């Protein structure tokens, strides 16, 4: 018989923070994509007091990888004052048809001080005429630890499998 384990007291708070960040970053991405047709990387944080802070978009002049690296570098500098971070980017992912085709998608990387990480990728279609995006089905996977990296442990920079910045 399996031994019962106590619930993780931090998991509920971590997922509440992650959900709050996601619910902030996705509407932002939808609005920007609808209006401009492209998305530069942007981030948001939840500080130690529980305040949500949108840190804004990175410069559109930087390559996406450099912009994302800059956002995470800023998060690492403030890590002692934060408990959760999120970054939203525009990426391309396999279209799922089995060939070499790709589709545009919104990627939201979420990380919590307590070690919880998620990567949520949502394919979309952009209507230039209506200036809106139509979202596809979400793909959720474990994320990558980038801010609260344990020396000698897991984490470090790296893109999610199977997608490239667009």
C-alpha atoms as a PDB file:
ATOM      1  CA  UNK A   1       0.000   0.000   0.000  1.00  0.00           C
ATOM      2  CA  UNK A   2       1.363   3.400  -0.973  1.00  0.00           C
ATOM      3  CA  UNK A   3       2.153   5.822   1.785  1.00  0.00           C
ATOM      4  CA  UNK A   4       0.058   9.015   1.770  1.00  0.00           C
ATOM      5  CA  UNK A   5       2.001  12.223   1.374  1.00  0.00           C
ATOM      6  CA  UNK A   6       1.114  15.557   2.885  1.00  0.00           C
ATOM      7  CA  UNK A   7       0.011  18.245   0.421  1.00  0.00           C
ATOM      8  CA  UNK A   8       2.689  20.735  -0.540  1.00  0.00           C
ATOM      9  CA  UNK A   9       1.724  23.918   1.379  1.00  0.00           C
ATOM     10  CA  UNK A  10       3.549  26.082  -1.156  1.00  0.00           C
ATOM     11  CA  UNK A  11       2.038  24.547  -4.298  1.00  0.00           C
ATOM     12  CA  UNK A  12      -1.312  26.321  -3.939  1.00  0.00           C
ATOM     13  CA  UNK A  13       0.337  29.739  -3.572  1.00  0.00           C
ATOM     14  CA  UNK A  14       2.789  29.041  -6.391  1.00  0.00           C
ATOM     15  CA  UNK A  15       0.092  28.022  -8.841  1.00  0.00           C
ATOM     16  CA  UNK A  16      -2.087  30.990  -7.828  1.00  0.00           C
ATOM     17  CA  UNK A  17       0.817  33.338  -8.621  1.00  0.00           C
ATOM     18  CA  UNK A  18       1.566  31.542 -11.897  1.00  0.00           C
ATOM     19  CA  UNK A  19      -2.102  31.725 -12.895  1.00  0.00           C
ATOM     20  CA  UNK A  20      -2.194  35.440 -12.091  1.00  0.00           C
ATOM     21  CA  UNK A  21       0.855  36.099 -14.265  1.00  0.00           C
ATOM     22  CA  UNK A  22      -0.590  34.052 -17.131  1.00  0.00           C
ATOM     23  CA  UNK A  23      -3.909  35.925 -16.920  1.00  0.00           C
ATOM     24  CA  UNK A  24      -1.968  39.175 -17.181  1.00  0.00           C
ATOM     25  CA  UNK A  25       0.424  38.253 -19.999  1.00  0.00           C
ATOM     26  CA  UNK A  26      -1.987  36.454 -22.374  1.00  0.00           C
ATOM     27  CA  UNK A  27      -4.460  39.342 -22.788  1.00  0.00           C
ATOM     28  CA  UNK A  28      -1.496  41.687 -23.290  1.00  0.00           C
ATOM     29  CA  UNK A  29      -0.143  39.430 -26.048  1.00  0.00           C
ATOM     30  CA  UNK A  30      -3.566  39.148 -27.708  1.00  0.00           C
ATOM     31  CA  UNK A  31      -4.043  42.947 -27.737  1.00  0.00           C
ATOM     32  CA  UNK A  32      -0.564  43.658 -29.121  1.00  0.00           C
ATOM     33  CA  UNK A  33      -0.770  40.941 -31.784  1.00  0.00           C
ATOM     34  CA  UNK A  34      -4.230  42.080 -32.803  1.00  0.00           C
ATOM     35  CA  UNK A  35      -3.198  45.698 -33.125  1.00  0.00           C
ATOM     36  CA  UNK A  36       0.307  45.367 -34.612  1.00  0.00           C
ATOM     37  CA  UNK A  37       0.515  41.820 -35.981  1.00  0.00           C
ATOM     38  CA  UNK A  38       3.702  41.041 -34.028  1.00  0.00           C
ATOM     39  CA  UNK A  39       4.806  40.769 -30.422  1.00  0.00           C
ATOM     40  CA  UNK A  40       8.098  41.794 -28.867  1.00  0.00           C
ATOM     41  CA  UNK A  41       9.015  39.897 -25.683  1.00  0.00           C
ATOM     42  CA  UNK A  42       7.517  41.297 -22.491  1.00  0.00           C
ATOM     43  CA  UNK A  43       7.553  40.291 -18.846  1.00  0.00           C
ATOM     44  CA  UNK A  44       5.693  40.554 -15.577  1.00  0.00           C
ATOM     45  CA  UNK A  45       6.549  39.816 -11.956  1.00  0.00           C
ATOM     46  CA  UNK A  46       4.887  39.234  -8.637  1.00  0.00           C
ATOM     47  CA  UNK A  47       6.929  40.755  -5.860  1.00  0.00           C
ATOM     48  CA  UNK A  48       7.374  39.443  -2.310  1.00  0.00           C
ATOM     49  CA  UNK A  49       4.337  41.475  -1.183  1.00  0.00           C
ATOM     50  CA  UNK A  50       2.121  39.932  -3.875  1.00  0.00           C
ATOM     51  CA  UNK A  51       1.983  42.961  -6.178  1.00  0.00           C
ATOM     52  CA  UNK A  52       1.770  42.296  -9.911  1.00  0.00           C
ATOM     53  CA  UNK A  53       4.163  44.424 -11.961  1.00  0.00           C
ATOM     54  CA  UNK A  54       4.265  44.488 -15.743  1.00  0.00           C
ATOM     55  CA  UNK A  55       7.848  45.207 -16.682  1.00  0.00           C
ATOM     56  CA  UNK A  56       6.983  46.136 -20.228  1.00  0.00           C
ATOM     57  CA  UNK A  57       8.154  44.997 -23.562  1.00  0.00           C
ATOM     58  CA  UNK A  58      11.741  44.686 -24.622  1.00  0.00           C
ATOM     59  CA  UNK A  59      13.049  46.886 -27.413  1.00  0.00           C
ATOM     60  CA  UNK A  60      11.795  45.854 -30.835  1.00  0.00           C
ATOM     61  CA  UNK A  61      15.281  46.562 -32.196  1.00  0.00           C
ATOM     62  CA  UNK A  62      16.884  43.581 -30.429  1.00  0.00           C
ATOM     63  CA  UNK A  63      16.828  40.020 -31.731  1.00  0.00           C
ATOM     64  CA  UNK A  64      14.221  38.029 -29.768  1.00  0.00           C
ATOM     65  CA  UNK A  65      16.820  35.839 -28.018  1.00  0.00           C
ATOM     66  CA  UNK A  66      18.716  38.909 -26.763  1.00  0.00           C
ATOM     67  CA  UNK A  67      15.529  40.626 -25.617  1.00  0.00           C
ATOM     68  CA  UNK A  68      14.418  37.541 -23.653  1.00  0.00           C
ATOM     69  CA  UNK A  69      17.899  37.155 -22.148  1.00  0.00           C
ATOM     70  CA  UNK A  70      17.786  40.809 -21.056  1.00  0.00           C
ATOM     71  CA  UNK A  71      14.398  40.391 -19.392  1.00  0.00           C
ATOM     72  CA  UNK A  72      15.594  37.324 -17.480  1.00  0.00           C
ATOM     73  CA  UNK A  73      18.838  39.059 -16.481  1.00  0.00           C
ATOM     74  CA  UNK A  74      16.759  41.828 -14.907  1.00  0.00           C
ATOM     75  CA  UNK A  75      14.624  39.248 -13.107  1.00  0.00           C
ATOM     76  CA  UNK A  76      17.736  37.498 -11.735  1.00  0.00           C
ATOM     77  CA  UNK A  77      19.061  40.837 -10.428  1.00  0.00           C
ATOM     78  CA  UNK A  78      15.783  41.339  -8.521  1.00  0.00           C
ATOM     79  CA  UNK A  79      15.252  37.689  -7.538  1.00  0.00           C
ATOM     80  CA  UNK A  80      15.494  38.381  -3.795  1.00  0.00           C
ATOM     81  CA  UNK A  81      12.524  40.771  -4.084  1.00  0.00           C
ATOM     82  CA  UNK A  82      10.345  38.554  -6.315  1.00  0.00           C
ATOM     83  CA  UNK A  83       8.354  35.378  -5.919  1.00  0.00           C
ATOM     84  CA  UNK A  84       7.157  34.755  -9.510  1.00  0.00           C
ATOM     85  CA  UNK A  85       8.040  35.880 -13.035  1.00  0.00           C
ATOM     86  CA  UNK A  86       6.648  35.436 -16.516  1.00  0.00           C
ATOM     87  CA  UNK A  87       7.787  36.208 -20.040  1.00  0.00           C
ATOM     88  CA  UNK A  88       5.627  36.220 -23.170  1.00  0.00           C
ATOM     89  CA  UNK A  89       7.044  35.852 -26.674  1.00  0.00           C
ATOM     90  CA  UNK A  90       5.909  35.154 -30.193  1.00  0.00           C
ATOM     91  CA  UNK A  91       7.245  31.823 -31.485  1.00  0.00           C
ATOM     92  CA  UNK A  92       6.672  29.303 -34.241  1.00  0.00           C
ATOM     93  CA  UNK A  93       5.806  25.708 -33.406  1.00  0.00           C
ATOM     94  CA  UNK A  94       5.268  22.589 -35.523  1.00  0.00           C
ATOM     95  CA  UNK A  95       1.796  22.627 -37.055  1.00  0.00           C
ATOM     96  CA  UNK A  96       1.079  19.082 -35.896  1.00  0.00           C
ATOM     97  CA  UNK A  97       0.394  17.825 -39.424  1.00  0.00           C
ATOM     98  CA  UNK A  98       3.518  15.666 -39.389  1.00  0.00           C
ATOM     99  CA  UNK A  99       5.445  17.659 -41.985  1.00  0.00           C
ATOM    100  CA  UNK A 100       7.837  20.559 -41.783  1.00  0.00           C
ATOM    101  CA  UNK A 101       5.073  23.153 -41.423  1.00  0.00           C
ATOM    102  CA  UNK A 102       4.979  25.649 -38.572  1.00  0.00           C
ATOM    103  CA  UNK A 103       2.352  27.977 -37.107  1.00  0.00           C
ATOM    104  CA  UNK A 104       2.664  31.185 -35.143  1.00  0.00           C
ATOM    105  CA  UNK A 105       2.091  30.885 -31.408  1.00  0.00           C
ATOM    106  CA  UNK A 106       2.236  32.814 -28.158  1.00  0.00           C
ATOM    107  CA  UNK A 107       4.625  31.279 -25.609  1.00  0.00           C
ATOM    108  CA  UNK A 108       4.302  32.159 -21.932  1.00  0.00           C
ATOM    109  CA  UNK A 109       7.119  30.980 -19.647  1.00  0.00           C
ATOM    110  CA  UNK A 110       6.220  31.075 -15.948  1.00  0.00           C
ATOM    111  CA  UNK A 111       8.501  30.486 -12.980  1.00  0.00           C
ATOM    112  CA  UNK A 112       7.961  30.606  -9.225  1.00  0.00           C
ATOM    113  CA  UNK A 113      10.400  30.947  -6.360  1.00  0.00           C
ATOM    114  CA  UNK A 114       9.153  27.601  -4.969  1.00  0.00           C
ATOM    115  CA  UNK A 115      10.422  25.789  -8.066  1.00  0.00           C
ATOM    116  CA  UNK A 116       7.207  25.538 -10.067  1.00  0.00           C
ATOM    117  CA  UNK A 117       7.649  26.230 -13.789  1.00  0.00           C
ATOM    118  CA  UNK A 118       5.265  26.088 -16.738  1.00  0.00           C
ATOM    119  CA  UNK A 119       5.512  26.766 -20.440  1.00  0.00           C
ATOM    120  CA  UNK A 120       2.193  27.417 -22.132  1.00  0.00           C
ATOM    121  CA  UNK A 121       2.159  27.670 -25.924  1.00  0.00           C
ATOM    122  CA  UNK A 122      -0.993  28.843 -27.707  1.00  0.00           C
ATOM    123  CA  UNK A 123      -1.105  28.773 -31.531  1.00  0.00           C
ATOM    124  CA  UNK A 124      -3.002  31.658 -33.107  1.00  0.00           C
ATOM    125  CA  UNK A 125      -4.232  33.080 -36.395  1.00  0.00           C
ATOM    126  CA  UNK A 126      -4.096  36.825 -36.961  1.00  0.00           C
ATOM    127  CA  UNK A 127      -6.836  38.692 -38.824  1.00  0.00           C
ATOM    128  CA  UNK A 128      -5.309  41.845 -40.271  1.00  0.00           C
ATOM    129  CA  UNK A 129      -8.726  43.099 -41.324  1.00  0.00           C
ATOM    130  CA  UNK A 130     -10.351  42.693 -37.908  1.00  0.00           C
ATOM    131  CA  UNK A 131      -7.104  43.394 -36.004  1.00  0.00           C
ATOM    132  CA  UNK A 132      -7.749  40.390 -33.760  1.00  0.00           C
ATOM    133  CA  UNK A 133      -6.229  37.013 -33.106  1.00  0.00           C
ATOM    134  CA  UNK A 134      -8.027  33.692 -32.898  1.00  0.00           C
ATOM    135  CA  UNK A 135      -6.406  31.370 -30.371  1.00  0.00           C
ATOM    136  CA  UNK A 136      -5.936  27.641 -30.827  1.00  0.00           C
ATOM    137  CA  UNK A 137      -5.600  24.933 -28.195  1.00  0.00           C
ATOM    138  CA  UNK A 138      -3.047  25.472 -25.420  1.00  0.00           C
ATOM    139  CA  UNK A 139      -0.074  23.169 -25.054  1.00  0.00           C
ATOM    140  CA  UNK A 140       1.194  23.018 -21.476  1.00  0.00           C
ATOM    141  CA  UNK A 141       4.574  21.574 -20.485  1.00  0.00           C
ATOM    142  CA  UNK A 142       7.094  21.970 -17.682  1.00  0.00           C
ATOM    143  CA  UNK A 143       9.055  25.186 -18.040  1.00  0.00           C
ATOM    144  CA  UNK A 144      12.735  25.958 -17.647  1.00  0.00           C
ATOM    145  CA  UNK A 145      14.272  27.334 -14.451  1.00  0.00           C
ATOM    146  CA  UNK A 146      15.968  30.608 -15.425  1.00  0.00           C
ATOM    147  CA  UNK A 147      15.742  32.909 -12.396  1.00  0.00           C
ATOM    148  CA  UNK A 148      16.033  30.848  -9.223  1.00  0.00           C
ATOM    149  CA  UNK A 149      18.719  28.459 -10.477  1.00  0.00           C
ATOM    150  CA  UNK A 150      20.209  26.185  -7.827  1.00  0.00           C
ATOM    151  CA  UNK A 151      24.009  25.953  -8.217  1.00  0.00           C
ATOM    152  CA  UNK A 152      24.862  22.516  -9.580  1.00  0.00           C
ATOM    153  CA  UNK A 153      21.159  21.812 -10.069  1.00  0.00           C
ATOM    154  CA  UNK A 154      18.625  22.040 -12.837  1.00  0.00           C
ATOM    155  CA  UNK A 155      17.947  25.209 -14.715  1.00  0.00           C
ATOM    156  CA  UNK A 156      19.697  27.673 -16.905  1.00  0.00           C
ATOM    157  CA  UNK A 157      18.833  29.352 -20.137  1.00  0.00           C
ATOM    158  CA  UNK A 158      17.370  27.484 -23.052  1.00  0.00           C
ATOM    159  CA  UNK A 159      14.422  27.561 -25.389  1.00  0.00           C
ATOM    160  CA  UNK A 160      11.565  25.115 -25.250  1.00  0.00           C
ATOM    161  CA  UNK A 161      11.808  22.060 -27.456  1.00  0.00           C
ATOM    162  CA  UNK A 162      10.525  22.389 -30.975  1.00  0.00           C
ATOM    163  CA  UNK A 163       9.997  26.104 -31.344  1.00  0.00           C
ATOM    164  CA  UNK A 164      11.899  29.081 -32.588  1.00  0.00           C
ATOM    165  CA  UNK A 165      11.357  32.798 -32.019  1.00  0.00           C
ATOM    166  CA  UNK A 166       9.508  34.350 -34.908  1.00  0.00           C
END
